[in-house]
Amino acid sequence: MNRKRGGPTIKDVAQAAGVSIGTASRVINKKATVRPEIRNAVLSAIDRLNYRPNAVAQSMRRQSTQLVGCIIREINIPALAAFVRATHDVLDQAGYSLVISNSEGIREREIELIDRLGRLQTDGVILGPYSPIDAQFEKVLHDFGGPIVLVDRDKPDWADAVMADHAGSIEAATTRLINLGHRRICLITGRPDLFPAGERVRGYRNAFARAGLPVDEAYVRTTGFLANEGFRHSSSILGGKDAPTAIIAGGIDMLAGVLRAVRVRGLSIPQDISVIGSGESELAELHSPPISIQRWDQAEVGRTAAHLLLRRISGDRTSPPEHVLLPAEFVERGSIGPPRQS
């Protein structure tokens, strides 16, 4: 007959408190700030179960693992290489190793990875852009217990965050097109509940408002960020009545899909249609003509996120969350011009 040896385990404590094992461990080891109600639930479970942690293991766990997690949507996106490298370099110089995880833009996968990083006792997490943070997701992040820095996500009142000025740069790009004479300007970007996409839509609308022009909602397309979404929406709107004279691809991967749709329809850039992309890439730079873009410094985003996290790891757990808005700019190249006269 199998018998459970010894007393209650940390798993028992976590189940009794309704939290993850990682959160229970952090409360026991006093490693990081945890919400008072969660801490009280864990301490109450410890008392009820008469849990006594192993002294040797507890002593070992109190030491920093010198590990930092970084969760991004796709590891193979070239534009994110500068972000990852800069993050790594800052952490490496401080003696930390970076654990990079690929979420594939799946919310459930992000939640799973955060829990896994908590069980690995990582000292903190840098969470790249994608899923919106609702109440359930926020609870998962609080349960992690350690410092978290959010990148290009809605800035909460409980975590540090680094963002690029997507609204300002898209407003500048849209304004430039309006000044060239364009009115049928199509913006294709991600879902508006995702921070970068929502900010791009806001910048687009601001440009029309400042020019005293109405926004035709038919030209605002919100979807996924992938190239095939850019192709699908570009193909649809270019083939319809009152096709746009300019397209803004509001996502790093979308530009490839937009350019393919333009090519399939036999259109010339910028004679037949003006095109603007988002984010620096070899495709934008080497295309003929080179594609005008919304550009921000991915390396600076990585460095800033790493420095914010290191400050928290080093012991600053009481100062208010810091939200850093980094500049983004519109870079004009040969892909835009006045609209073709019908």
C-alpha atoms as a PDB file:
ATOM      1  CA  MET A   1       0.000   0.000   0.000  1.00  0.00           C
ATOM      2  CA  ASN A   2       1.350   3.428  -0.973  1.00  0.00           C
ATOM      3  CA  ARG A   3       1.394   5.948   1.824  1.00  0.00           C
ATOM      4  CA  LYS A   4       2.070   9.654   1.634  1.00  0.00           C
ATOM      5  CA  ARG A   5       5.325  10.205   3.476  1.00  0.00           C
ATOM      6  CA  GLY A   6       5.954  13.211   5.700  1.00  0.00           C
ATOM      7  CA  GLY A   7       3.687  16.181   6.311  1.00  0.00           C
ATOM      8  CA  PRO A   8       1.886  18.510   3.939  1.00  0.00           C
ATOM      9  CA  THR A   9       3.776  19.792   0.913  1.00  0.00           C
ATOM     10  CA  ILE A  10       3.950  23.197  -0.707  1.00  0.00           C
ATOM     11  CA  LYS A  11       1.584  21.804  -3.349  1.00  0.00           C
ATOM     12  CA  ASP A  12      -0.970  21.159  -0.594  1.00  0.00           C
ATOM     13  CA  VAL A  13      -0.549  24.723   0.658  1.00  0.00           C
ATOM     14  CA  ALA A  14      -1.009  26.147  -2.849  1.00  0.00           C
ATOM     15  CA  GLN A  15      -4.174  24.103  -3.422  1.00  0.00           C
ATOM     16  CA  ALA A  16      -5.628  25.100  -0.053  1.00  0.00           C
ATOM     17  CA  ALA A  17      -4.930  28.780  -0.724  1.00  0.00           C
ATOM     18  CA  GLY A  18      -6.150  28.657  -4.322  1.00  0.00           C
ATOM     19  CA  VAL A  19      -2.871  29.923  -5.780  1.00  0.00           C
ATOM     20  CA  SER A  20      -0.045  28.547  -7.894  1.00  0.00           C
ATOM     21  CA  ILE A  21       2.889  26.679  -6.366  1.00  0.00           C
ATOM     22  CA  GLY A  22       5.166  29.523  -7.442  1.00  0.00           C
ATOM     23  CA  THR A  23       3.078  32.078  -5.536  1.00  0.00           C
ATOM     24  CA  ALA A  24       2.978  29.932  -2.391  1.00  0.00           C
ATOM     25  CA  SER A  25       6.755  29.557  -2.604  1.00  0.00           C
ATOM     26  CA  ARG A  26       7.276  33.296  -2.915  1.00  0.00           C
ATOM     27  CA  VAL A  27       5.131  33.996   0.148  1.00  0.00           C
ATOM     28  CA  ILE A  28       6.978  31.370   2.174  1.00  0.00           C
ATOM     29  CA  ASN A  29      10.387  32.669   1.131  1.00  0.00           C
ATOM     30  CA  LYS A  30       9.425  36.352   1.433  1.00  0.00           C
ATOM     31  CA  LYS A  31      10.989  36.849  -1.964  1.00  0.00           C
ATOM     32  CA  ALA A  32       8.723  39.477  -3.486  1.00  0.00           C
ATOM     33  CA  THR A  33       5.747  41.685  -2.928  1.00  0.00           C
ATOM     34  CA  VAL A  34       2.482  39.769  -3.146  1.00  0.00           C
ATOM     35  CA  ARG A  35      -0.979  41.255  -2.799  1.00  0.00           C
ATOM     36  CA  PRO A  36      -2.003  41.254   0.897  1.00  0.00           C
ATOM     37  CA  GLU A  37      -5.107  39.136   0.345  1.00  0.00           C
ATOM     38  CA  ILE A  38      -3.066  36.478  -1.480  1.00  0.00           C
ATOM     39  CA  ARG A  39      -0.338  36.511   1.165  1.00  0.00           C
ATOM     40  CA  ASN A  40      -2.958  36.144   3.914  1.00  0.00           C
ATOM     41  CA  ALA A  41      -4.594  33.226   2.095  1.00  0.00           C
ATOM     42  CA  VAL A  42      -1.255  31.397   1.850  1.00  0.00           C
ATOM     43  CA  LEU A  43      -0.329  32.101   5.489  1.00  0.00           C
ATOM     44  CA  SER A  44      -3.768  30.915   6.597  1.00  0.00           C
ATOM     45  CA  ALA A  45      -3.327  27.673   4.630  1.00  0.00           C
ATOM     46  CA  ILE A  46       0.100  27.172   6.214  1.00  0.00           C
ATOM     47  CA  ASP A  47      -1.427  27.498   9.693  1.00  0.00           C
ATOM     48  CA  ARG A  48      -4.341  25.171   8.918  1.00  0.00           C
ATOM     49  CA  LEU A  49      -2.103  22.492   7.437  1.00  0.00           C
ATOM     50  CA  ASN A  50       0.695  22.995   9.970  1.00  0.00           C
ATOM     51  CA  TYR A  51       3.096  23.193   7.028  1.00  0.00           C
ATOM     52  CA  ARG A  52       6.814  23.349   7.860  1.00  0.00           C
ATOM     53  CA  PRO A  53       9.134  24.072   4.911  1.00  0.00           C
ATOM     54  CA  ASN A  54      12.373  22.193   4.564  1.00  0.00           C
ATOM     55  CA  ALA A  55      14.958  24.532   6.063  1.00  0.00           C
ATOM     56  CA  VAL A  56      17.738  23.633   3.635  1.00  0.00           C
ATOM     57  CA  ALA A  57      15.569  23.934   0.532  1.00  0.00           C
ATOM     58  CA  GLN A  58      14.083  27.161   1.825  1.00  0.00           C
ATOM     59  CA  SER A  59      17.522  28.633   2.376  1.00  0.00           C
ATOM     60  CA  MET A  60      18.527  27.696  -1.160  1.00  0.00           C
ATOM     61  CA  ARG A  61      15.363  29.184  -2.637  1.00  0.00           C
ATOM     62  CA  ARG A  62      15.908  32.476  -0.868  1.00  0.00           C
ATOM     63  CA  GLN A  63      18.952  33.021  -3.047  1.00  0.00           C
ATOM     64  CA  SER A  64      18.483  34.735  -6.385  1.00  0.00           C
ATOM     65  CA  THR A  65      18.397  32.357  -9.321  1.00  0.00           C
ATOM     66  CA  GLN A  66      19.931  35.083 -11.517  1.00  0.00           C
ATOM     67  CA  LEU A  67      17.326  34.153 -14.133  1.00  0.00           C
ATOM     68  CA  VAL A  68      14.972  36.564 -15.898  1.00  0.00           C
ATOM     69  CA  GLY A  69      12.156  35.430 -18.178  1.00  0.00           C
ATOM     70  CA  CYS A  70      11.188  37.173 -21.408  1.00  0.00           C
ATOM     71  CA  ILE A  71       7.981  36.197 -23.224  1.00  0.00           C
ATOM     72  CA  ILE A  72       7.556  37.348 -26.821  1.00  0.00           C
ATOM     73  CA  ARG A  73       5.084  36.460 -29.557  1.00  0.00           C
ATOM     74  CA  GLU A  74       7.437  34.926 -32.115  1.00  0.00           C
ATOM     75  CA  ILE A  75      11.133  34.294 -31.627  1.00  0.00           C
ATOM     76  CA  ASN A  76      11.727  34.259 -35.387  1.00  0.00           C
ATOM     77  CA  ILE A  77      10.465  37.816 -36.068  1.00  0.00           C
ATOM     78  CA  PRO A  78      13.625  39.585 -37.305  1.00  0.00           C
ATOM     79  CA  ALA A  79      12.464  42.980 -36.055  1.00  0.00           C
ATOM     80  CA  LEU A  80      12.472  41.658 -32.474  1.00  0.00           C
ATOM     81  CA  ALA A  81      16.111  40.572 -32.653  1.00  0.00           C
ATOM     82  CA  ALA A  82      17.367  44.019 -31.603  1.00  0.00           C
ATOM     83  CA  PHE A  83      14.945  44.039 -28.655  1.00  0.00           C
ATOM     84  CA  VAL A  84      16.032  40.605 -27.444  1.00  0.00           C
ATOM     85  CA  ARG A  85      19.746  41.324 -27.917  1.00  0.00           C
ATOM     86  CA  ALA A  86      19.611  44.633 -26.035  1.00  0.00           C
ATOM     87  CA  THR A  87      17.611  43.056 -23.203  1.00  0.00           C
ATOM     88  CA  HIS A  88      20.118  40.215 -22.996  1.00  0.00           C
ATOM     89  CA  ASP A  89      23.140  42.529 -22.984  1.00  0.00           C
ATOM     90  CA  VAL A  90      21.883  44.671 -20.083  1.00  0.00           C
ATOM     91  CA  LEU A  91      20.932  41.629 -18.006  1.00  0.00           C
ATOM     92  CA  ASP A  92      24.133  39.780 -18.870  1.00  0.00           C
ATOM     93  CA  GLN A  93      26.231  42.723 -17.715  1.00  0.00           C
ATOM     94  CA  ALA A  94      24.380  42.595 -14.395  1.00  0.00           C
ATOM     95  CA  GLY A  95      25.036  38.859 -14.048  1.00  0.00           C
ATOM     96  CA  TYR A  96      21.616  37.573 -15.081  1.00  0.00           C
ATOM     97  CA  SER A  97      20.715  34.969 -17.695  1.00  0.00           C
ATOM     98  CA  LEU A  98      17.745  35.537 -20.001  1.00  0.00           C
ATOM     99  CA  VAL A  99      15.189  32.762 -20.525  1.00  0.00           C
ATOM    100  CA  ILE A 100      13.307  33.514 -23.770  1.00  0.00           C
ATOM    101  CA  SER A 101       9.907  31.923 -24.356  1.00  0.00           C
ATOM    102  CA  ASN A 102       7.730  31.965 -27.469  1.00  0.00           C
ATOM    103  CA  SER A 103       4.007  32.499 -26.798  1.00  0.00           C
ATOM    104  CA  GLU A 104       2.903  32.305 -30.469  1.00  0.00           C
ATOM    105  CA  GLY A 105       0.479  35.108 -29.588  1.00  0.00           C
ATOM    106  CA  ILE A 106      -1.754  32.644 -27.715  1.00  0.00           C
ATOM    107  CA  ARG A 107      -3.151  33.968 -24.442  1.00  0.00           C
ATOM    108  CA  GLU A 108      -3.345  30.555 -22.778  1.00  0.00           C
ATOM    109  CA  ARG A 109       0.260  29.916 -23.741  1.00  0.00           C
ATOM    110  CA  GLU A 110       1.326  33.224 -22.154  1.00  0.00           C
ATOM    111  CA  ILE A 111      -0.421  32.264 -18.915  1.00  0.00           C
ATOM    112  CA  GLU A 112       1.220  28.830 -18.969  1.00  0.00           C
ATOM    113  CA  LEU A 113       4.658  30.362 -19.512  1.00  0.00           C
ATOM    114  CA  ILE A 114       4.245  32.857 -16.667  1.00  0.00           C
ATOM    115  CA  ASP A 115       3.313  30.025 -14.304  1.00  0.00           C
ATOM    116  CA  ARG A 116       6.277  27.982 -15.526  1.00  0.00           C
ATOM    117  CA  LEU A 117       8.677  30.883 -14.979  1.00  0.00           C
ATOM    118  CA  GLY A 118       7.263  31.241 -11.470  1.00  0.00           C
ATOM    119  CA  ARG A 119       7.981  27.585 -10.738  1.00  0.00           C
ATOM    120  CA  LEU A 120      11.525  28.106 -12.027  1.00  0.00           C
ATOM    121  CA  GLN A 121      11.861  30.848  -9.400  1.00  0.00           C
ATOM    122  CA  THR A 122      12.951  33.396 -12.005  1.00  0.00           C
ATOM    123  CA  ASP A 123      13.723  36.746 -10.430  1.00  0.00           C
ATOM    124  CA  GLY A 124      11.423  38.671 -12.792  1.00  0.00           C
ATOM    125  CA  VAL A 125       9.686  38.672 -16.164  1.00  0.00           C
ATOM    126  CA  ILE A 126       9.635  40.988 -19.177  1.00  0.00           C
ATOM    127  CA  LEU A 127       6.330  40.436 -20.971  1.00  0.00           C
ATOM    128  CA  GLY A 128       6.245  41.461 -24.621  1.00  0.00           C
ATOM    129  CA  PRO A 129       3.162  42.689 -26.469  1.00  0.00           C
ATOM    130  CA  TYR A 130       0.158  40.707 -27.424  1.00  0.00           C
ATOM    131  CA  SER A 131      -2.815  39.601 -25.318  1.00  0.00           C
ATOM    132  CA  PRO A 132      -4.881  42.275 -23.562  1.00  0.00           C
ATOM    133  CA  ILE A 133      -4.658  42.067 -19.778  1.00  0.00           C
ATOM    134  CA  ASP A 134      -8.111  41.319 -18.401  1.00  0.00           C
ATOM    135  CA  ALA A 135      -8.956  40.501 -14.776  1.00  0.00           C
ATOM    136  CA  GLN A 136      -7.992  36.830 -15.121  1.00  0.00           C
ATOM    137  CA  PHE A 137      -4.671  37.626 -16.779  1.00  0.00           C
ATOM    138  CA  GLU A 138      -3.952  40.295 -14.160  1.00  0.00           C
ATOM    139  CA  LYS A 139      -4.486  37.710 -11.409  1.00  0.00           C
ATOM    140  CA  VAL A 140      -1.978  35.391 -13.082  1.00  0.00           C
ATOM    141  CA  LEU A 141       0.595  38.179 -13.181  1.00  0.00           C
ATOM    142  CA  HIS A 142      -0.030  39.041  -9.526  1.00  0.00           C
ATOM    143  CA  ASP A 143       0.235  35.361  -8.605  1.00  0.00           C
ATOM    144  CA  PHE A 144       3.692  35.250 -10.178  1.00  0.00           C
ATOM    145  CA  GLY A 145       4.715  37.409  -7.248  1.00  0.00           C
ATOM    146  CA  GLY A 146       7.937  38.847  -8.657  1.00  0.00           C
ATOM    147  CA  PRO A 147       8.660  42.024 -10.608  1.00  0.00           C
ATOM    148  CA  ILE A 148       7.121  42.241 -14.076  1.00  0.00           C
ATOM    149  CA  VAL A 149       7.771  44.799 -16.804  1.00  0.00           C
ATOM    150  CA  LEU A 150       5.203  45.079 -19.594  1.00  0.00           C
ATOM    151  CA  VAL A 151       6.274  46.011 -23.128  1.00  0.00           C
ATOM    152  CA  ASP A 152       3.841  47.733 -25.515  1.00  0.00           C
ATOM    153  CA  ARG A 153       0.798  46.808 -23.450  1.00  0.00           C
ATOM    154  CA  ASP A 154      -1.785  48.947 -21.695  1.00  0.00           C
ATOM    155  CA  LYS A 155      -0.051  50.573 -18.735  1.00  0.00           C
ATOM    156  CA  PRO A 156      -1.576  49.283 -15.481  1.00  0.00           C
ATOM    157  CA  ASP A 157      -1.316  51.000 -12.115  1.00  0.00           C
ATOM    158  CA  TRP A 158       0.563  48.071 -10.592  1.00  0.00           C
ATOM    159  CA  ALA A 159       3.482  47.349 -12.967  1.00  0.00           C
ATOM    160  CA  ASP A 160       6.290  49.109 -14.796  1.00  0.00           C
ATOM    161  CA  ALA A 161       5.761  49.455 -18.542  1.00  0.00           C
ATOM    162  CA  VAL A 162       7.669  50.500 -21.662  1.00  0.00           C
ATOM    163  CA  MET A 163       5.794  51.675 -24.745  1.00  0.00           C
ATOM    164  CA  ALA A 164       6.572  53.225 -28.113  1.00  0.00           C
ATOM    165  CA  ASP A 165       4.624  56.247 -29.316  1.00  0.00           C
ATOM    166  CA  HIS A 166       2.635  54.393 -31.968  1.00  0.00           C
ATOM    167  CA  ALA A 167      -0.156  56.974 -31.940  1.00  0.00           C
ATOM    168  CA  GLY A 168       2.178  59.896 -32.602  1.00  0.00           C
ATOM    169  CA  SER A 169       4.091  58.252 -35.431  1.00  0.00           C
ATOM    170  CA  ILE A 170       0.980  56.965 -37.220  1.00  0.00           C
ATOM    171  CA  GLU A 171      -0.612  60.392 -36.836  1.00  0.00           C
ATOM    172  CA  ALA A 172       2.466  61.907 -38.509  1.00  0.00           C
ATOM    173  CA  ALA A 173       2.334  59.327 -41.319  1.00  0.00           C
ATOM    174  CA  THR A 174      -1.387  59.848 -41.920  1.00  0.00           C
ATOM    175  CA  THR A 175      -0.995  63.625 -41.830  1.00  0.00           C
ATOM    176  CA  ARG A 176       1.732  63.420 -44.466  1.00  0.00           C
ATOM    177  CA  LEU A 177      -0.561  61.413 -46.744  1.00  0.00           C
ATOM    178  CA  ILE A 178      -3.410  63.882 -46.199  1.00  0.00           C
ATOM    179  CA  ASN A 179      -1.100  66.768 -47.074  1.00  0.00           C
ATOM    180  CA  LEU A 180      -0.162  64.967 -50.300  1.00  0.00           C
ATOM    181  CA  GLY A 181      -3.841  64.962 -51.241  1.00  0.00           C
ATOM    182  CA  HIS A 182      -4.918  61.478 -50.097  1.00  0.00           C
ATOM    183  CA  ARG A 183      -8.348  61.018 -48.569  1.00  0.00           C
ATOM    184  CA  ARG A 184      -8.974  57.304 -49.105  1.00  0.00           C
ATOM    185  CA  ILE A 185      -6.288  56.096 -46.695  1.00  0.00           C
ATOM    186  CA  CYS A 186      -6.646  52.521 -45.457  1.00  0.00           C
ATOM    187  CA  LEU A 187      -5.173  51.504 -42.090  1.00  0.00           C
ATOM    188  CA  ILE A 188      -4.758  47.756 -41.594  1.00  0.00           C
ATOM    189  CA  THR A 189      -3.661  46.848 -38.077  1.00  0.00           C
ATOM    190  CA  GLY A 190      -4.300  44.416 -35.220  1.00  0.00           C
ATOM    191  CA  ARG A 191      -7.259  44.184 -32.883  1.00  0.00           C
ATOM    192  CA  PRO A 192      -7.946  47.535 -31.194  1.00  0.00           C
ATOM    193  CA  ASP A 193      -7.865  45.934 -27.725  1.00  0.00           C
ATOM    194  CA  LEU A 194      -4.140  45.287 -28.256  1.00  0.00           C
ATOM    195  CA  PHE A 195      -2.079  48.324 -27.243  1.00  0.00           C
ATOM    196  CA  PRO A 196       0.000  48.970 -30.399  1.00  0.00           C
ATOM    197  CA  ALA A 197      -3.001  48.503 -32.695  1.00  0.00           C
ATOM    198  CA  GLY A 198      -5.321  50.606 -30.574  1.00  0.00           C
ATOM    199  CA  GLU A 199      -2.746  53.398 -30.462  1.00  0.00           C
ATOM    200  CA  ARG A 200      -2.272  53.274 -34.239  1.00  0.00           C
ATOM    201  CA  VAL A 201      -6.008  53.614 -34.771  1.00  0.00           C
ATOM    202  CA  ARG A 202      -6.029  56.547 -32.350  1.00  0.00           C
ATOM    203  CA  GLY A 203      -3.203  58.276 -34.220  1.00  0.00           C
ATOM    204  CA  TYR A 204      -4.955  57.706 -37.556  1.00  0.00           C
ATOM    205  CA  ARG A 205      -8.190  59.232 -36.255  1.00  0.00           C
ATOM    206  CA  ASN A 206      -6.312  62.149 -34.698  1.00  0.00           C
ATOM    207  CA  ALA A 207      -4.768  63.021 -38.072  1.00  0.00           C
ATOM    208  CA  PHE A 208      -8.160  63.167 -39.776  1.00  0.00           C
ATOM    209  CA  ALA A 209      -9.640  65.162 -36.900  1.00  0.00           C
ATOM    210  CA  ARG A 210      -6.831  67.725 -36.999  1.00  0.00           C
ATOM    211  CA  ALA A 211      -7.351  68.083 -40.754  1.00  0.00           C
ATOM    212  CA  GLY A 212     -11.089  68.593 -40.246  1.00  0.00           C
ATOM    213  CA  LEU A 213     -11.885  65.482 -42.278  1.00  0.00           C
ATOM    214  CA  PRO A 214     -14.309  62.636 -41.501  1.00  0.00           C
ATOM    215  CA  VAL A 215     -13.042  59.080 -41.069  1.00  0.00           C
ATOM    216  CA  ASP A 216     -14.588  56.535 -43.432  1.00  0.00           C
ATOM    217  CA  GLU A 217     -14.801  53.405 -41.263  1.00  0.00           C
ATOM    218  CA  ALA A 218     -14.567  51.202 -44.360  1.00  0.00           C
ATOM    219  CA  TYR A 219     -10.879  52.103 -44.516  1.00  0.00           C
ATOM    220  CA  VAL A 220     -10.136  51.092 -40.893  1.00  0.00           C
ATOM    221  CA  ARG A 221      -9.385  47.362 -40.865  1.00  0.00           C
ATOM    222  CA  THR A 222      -8.521  45.706 -37.531  1.00  0.00           C
ATOM    223  CA  THR A 223      -7.463  42.078 -37.618  1.00  0.00           C
ATOM    224  CA  GLY A 224      -4.494  39.866 -36.735  1.00  0.00           C
ATOM    225  CA  PHE A 225      -0.906  41.020 -37.152  1.00  0.00           C
ATOM    226  CA  LEU A 226       0.214  38.314 -39.602  1.00  0.00           C
ATOM    227  CA  ALA A 227       1.194  38.753 -43.252  1.00  0.00           C
ATOM    228  CA  ASN A 228      -1.764  36.738 -44.520  1.00  0.00           C
ATOM    229  CA  GLU A 229      -4.135  39.135 -42.738  1.00  0.00           C
ATOM    230  CA  GLY A 230      -2.447  42.053 -44.470  1.00  0.00           C
ATOM    231  CA  PHE A 231      -2.856  40.277 -47.807  1.00  0.00           C
ATOM    232  CA  ARG A 232      -6.500  39.356 -47.208  1.00  0.00           C
ATOM    233  CA  HIS A 233      -7.637  42.829 -46.215  1.00  0.00           C
ATOM    234  CA  SER A 234      -5.538  44.588 -48.861  1.00  0.00           C
ATOM    235  CA  SER A 235      -6.873  42.310 -51.585  1.00  0.00           C
ATOM    236  CA  SER A 236     -10.441  42.878 -50.449  1.00  0.00           C
ATOM    237  CA  ILE A 237     -10.322  46.649 -50.283  1.00  0.00           C
ATOM    238  CA  LEU A 238      -8.180  47.118 -53.408  1.00  0.00           C
ATOM    239  CA  GLY A 239     -10.713  45.105 -55.371  1.00  0.00           C
ATOM    240  CA  GLY A 240     -13.725  47.057 -54.170  1.00  0.00           C
ATOM    241  CA  LYS A 241     -15.391  50.290 -55.147  1.00  0.00           C
ATOM    242  CA  ASP A 242     -13.534  53.467 -54.150  1.00  0.00           C
ATOM    243  CA  ALA A 243     -10.294  51.590 -53.549  1.00  0.00           C
ATOM    244  CA  PRO A 244      -7.820  53.408 -51.294  1.00  0.00           C
ATOM    245  CA  THR A 245      -5.048  55.522 -52.750  1.00  0.00           C
ATOM    246  CA  ALA A 246      -2.807  54.738 -49.768  1.00  0.00           C
ATOM    247  CA  ILE A 247      -2.397  51.840 -47.326  1.00  0.00           C
ATOM    248  CA  ILE A 248      -0.738  51.897 -43.902  1.00  0.00           C
ATOM    249  CA  ALA A 249       0.348  48.428 -42.761  1.00  0.00           C
ATOM    250  CA  GLY A 250       0.062  48.755 -38.978  1.00  0.00           C
ATOM    251  CA  GLY A 251       2.092  45.716 -37.946  1.00  0.00           C
ATOM    252  CA  ILE A 252       5.623  44.434 -38.480  1.00  0.00           C
ATOM    253  CA  ASP A 253       4.553  41.314 -40.396  1.00  0.00           C
ATOM    254  CA  MET A 254       1.674  42.904 -42.315  1.00  0.00           C
ATOM    255  CA  LEU A 255       3.791  44.770 -44.849  1.00  0.00           C
ATOM    256  CA  ALA A 256       4.673  41.586 -46.738  1.00  0.00           C
ATOM    257  CA  GLY A 257       0.985  40.772 -47.211  1.00  0.00           C
ATOM    258  CA  VAL A 258       0.132  44.295 -48.340  1.00  0.00           C
ATOM    259  CA  LEU A 259       2.962  44.347 -50.883  1.00  0.00           C
ATOM    260  CA  ARG A 260       1.881  40.977 -52.232  1.00  0.00           C
ATOM    261  CA  ALA A 261      -1.703  42.209 -52.722  1.00  0.00           C
ATOM    262  CA  VAL A 262      -0.438  45.319 -54.507  1.00  0.00           C
ATOM    263  CA  ARG A 263       1.742  43.188 -56.776  1.00  0.00           C
ATOM    264  CA  VAL A 264      -1.073  40.727 -57.563  1.00  0.00           C
ATOM    265  CA  ARG A 265      -3.274  43.597 -58.727  1.00  0.00           C
ATOM    266  CA  GLY A 266      -0.484  44.937 -60.926  1.00  0.00           C
ATOM    267  CA  LEU A 267      -0.242  48.277 -59.124  1.00  0.00           C
ATOM    268  CA  SER A 268       2.879  50.423 -59.010  1.00  0.00           C
ATOM    269  CA  ILE A 269       4.236  52.086 -55.858  1.00  0.00           C
ATOM    270  CA  PRO A 270       3.866  55.061 -55.459  1.00  0.00           C
ATOM    271  CA  GLN A 271       2.345  55.909 -58.859  1.00  0.00           C
ATOM    272  CA  ASP A 272      -0.838  53.870 -58.305  1.00  0.00           C
ATOM    273  CA  ILE A 273      -0.837  53.526 -54.540  1.00  0.00           C
ATOM    274  CA  SER A 274       1.211  54.812 -51.606  1.00  0.00           C
ATOM    275  CA  VAL A 275       2.334  52.318 -48.943  1.00  0.00           C
ATOM    276  CA  ILE A 276       3.617  52.809 -45.387  1.00  0.00           C
ATOM    277  CA  GLY A 277       4.828  50.036 -43.073  1.00  0.00           C
ATOM    278  CA  SER A 278       5.414  49.692 -39.330  1.00  0.00           C
ATOM    279  CA  GLY A 279       8.807  48.821 -37.905  1.00  0.00           C
ATOM    280  CA  GLU A 280      12.220  48.664 -39.530  1.00  0.00           C
ATOM    281  CA  SER A 281      12.849  45.554 -41.624  1.00  0.00           C
ATOM    282  CA  GLU A 282      14.991  44.366 -44.509  1.00  0.00           C
ATOM    283  CA  LEU A 283      11.841  44.099 -46.615  1.00  0.00           C
ATOM    284  CA  ALA A 284      11.022  47.782 -46.114  1.00  0.00           C
ATOM    285  CA  GLU A 285      14.608  48.906 -46.600  1.00  0.00           C
ATOM    286  CA  LEU A 286      15.471  46.793 -49.652  1.00  0.00           C
ATOM    287  CA  HIS A 287      12.155  47.013 -51.499  1.00  0.00           C
ATOM    288  CA  SER A 288      12.141  49.059 -54.701  1.00  0.00           C
ATOM    289  CA  PRO A 289      11.187  51.735 -53.937  1.00  0.00           C
ATOM    290  CA  PRO A 290      12.123  51.629 -50.213  1.00  0.00           C
ATOM    291  CA  ILE A 291       9.019  51.627 -48.024  1.00  0.00           C
ATOM    292  CA  SER A 292       8.220  54.566 -45.752  1.00  0.00           C
ATOM    293  CA  ILE A 293       7.767  53.352 -42.173  1.00  0.00           C
ATOM    294  CA  GLN A 294       6.709  54.069 -38.639  1.00  0.00           C
ATOM    295  CA  ARG A 295       9.981  53.442 -36.760  1.00  0.00           C
ATOM    296  CA  TRP A 296      10.932  53.071 -33.111  1.00  0.00           C
ATOM    297  CA  ASP A 297      14.151  51.881 -31.464  1.00  0.00           C
ATOM    298  CA  GLN A 298      13.587  48.243 -30.504  1.00  0.00           C
ATOM    299  CA  ALA A 299      16.989  48.105 -28.801  1.00  0.00           C
ATOM    300  CA  GLU A 300      16.110  51.060 -26.579  1.00  0.00           C
ATOM    301  CA  VAL A 301      12.839  49.347 -25.663  1.00  0.00           C
ATOM    302  CA  GLY A 302      14.815  46.276 -24.571  1.00  0.00           C
ATOM    303  CA  ARG A 303      17.398  48.266 -22.616  1.00  0.00           C
ATOM    304  CA  THR A 304      14.734  50.299 -20.834  1.00  0.00           C
ATOM    305  CA  ALA A 305      12.700  47.219 -19.898  1.00  0.00           C
ATOM    306  CA  ALA A 306      15.796  45.459 -18.542  1.00  0.00           C
ATOM    307  CA  HIS A 307      16.871  48.454 -16.439  1.00  0.00           C
ATOM    308  CA  LEU A 308      13.374  48.845 -14.979  1.00  0.00           C
ATOM    309  CA  LEU A 309      13.291  45.171 -14.027  1.00  0.00           C
ATOM    310  CA  LEU A 310      16.777  45.210 -12.486  1.00  0.00           C
ATOM    311  CA  ARG A 311      15.781  48.149 -10.309  1.00  0.00           C
ATOM    312  CA  ARG A 312      12.872  46.151  -8.895  1.00  0.00           C
ATOM    313  CA  ILE A 313      14.926  42.992  -8.474  1.00  0.00           C
ATOM    314  CA  SER A 314      17.555  44.990  -6.577  1.00  0.00           C
ATOM    315  CA  GLY A 315      15.014  45.845  -3.921  1.00  0.00           C
ATOM    316  CA  ASP A 316      12.981  48.865  -5.035  1.00  0.00           C
ATOM    317  CA  ARG A 317       9.523  47.379  -4.538  1.00  0.00           C
ATOM    318  CA  THR A 318       7.749  50.391  -3.063  1.00  0.00           C
ATOM    319  CA  SER A 319       8.134  53.256  -5.539  1.00  0.00           C
ATOM    320  CA  PRO A 320       5.159  53.851  -7.878  1.00  0.00           C
ATOM    321  CA  PRO A 321       5.133  52.014 -11.227  1.00  0.00           C
ATOM    322  CA  GLU A 322       7.103  53.775 -13.933  1.00  0.00           C
ATOM    323  CA  HIS A 323       5.602  54.065 -17.415  1.00  0.00           C
ATOM    324  CA  VAL A 324       8.120  55.037 -20.090  1.00  0.00           C
ATOM    325  CA  LEU A 325       6.882  56.273 -23.481  1.00  0.00           C
ATOM    326  CA  LEU A 326       9.696  56.062 -26.018  1.00  0.00           C
ATOM    327  CA  PRO A 327       9.602  58.140 -29.201  1.00  0.00           C
ATOM    328  CA  ALA A 328       8.583  56.728 -32.561  1.00  0.00           C
ATOM    329  CA  GLU A 329       8.903  58.579 -35.844  1.00  0.00           C
ATOM    330  CA  PHE A 330       7.630  58.590 -39.391  1.00  0.00           C
ATOM    331  CA  VAL A 331      10.437  57.927 -41.882  1.00  0.00           C
ATOM    332  CA  GLU A 332       9.537  59.002 -45.410  1.00  0.00           C
ATOM    333  CA  ARG A 333      11.041  57.064 -48.309  1.00  0.00           C
ATOM    334  CA  GLY A 334      10.108  56.521 -51.925  1.00  0.00           C
ATOM    335  CA  SER A 335       6.864  54.608 -51.402  1.00  0.00           C
ATOM    336  CA  ILE A 336       4.508  57.571 -51.060  1.00  0.00           C
ATOM    337  CA  GLY A 337       3.434  60.321 -53.432  1.00  0.00           C
ATOM    338  CA  PRO A 338       0.348  62.281 -54.484  1.00  0.00           C
ATOM    339  CA  PRO A 339      -2.717  60.168 -55.322  1.00  0.00           C
ATOM    340  CA  ARG A 340      -3.194  59.252 -58.959  1.00  0.00           C
ATOM    341  CA  GLN A 341      -5.824  61.399 -60.612  1.00  0.00           C
ATOM    342  CA  SER A 342      -8.800  59.378 -61.890  1.00  0.00           C
END
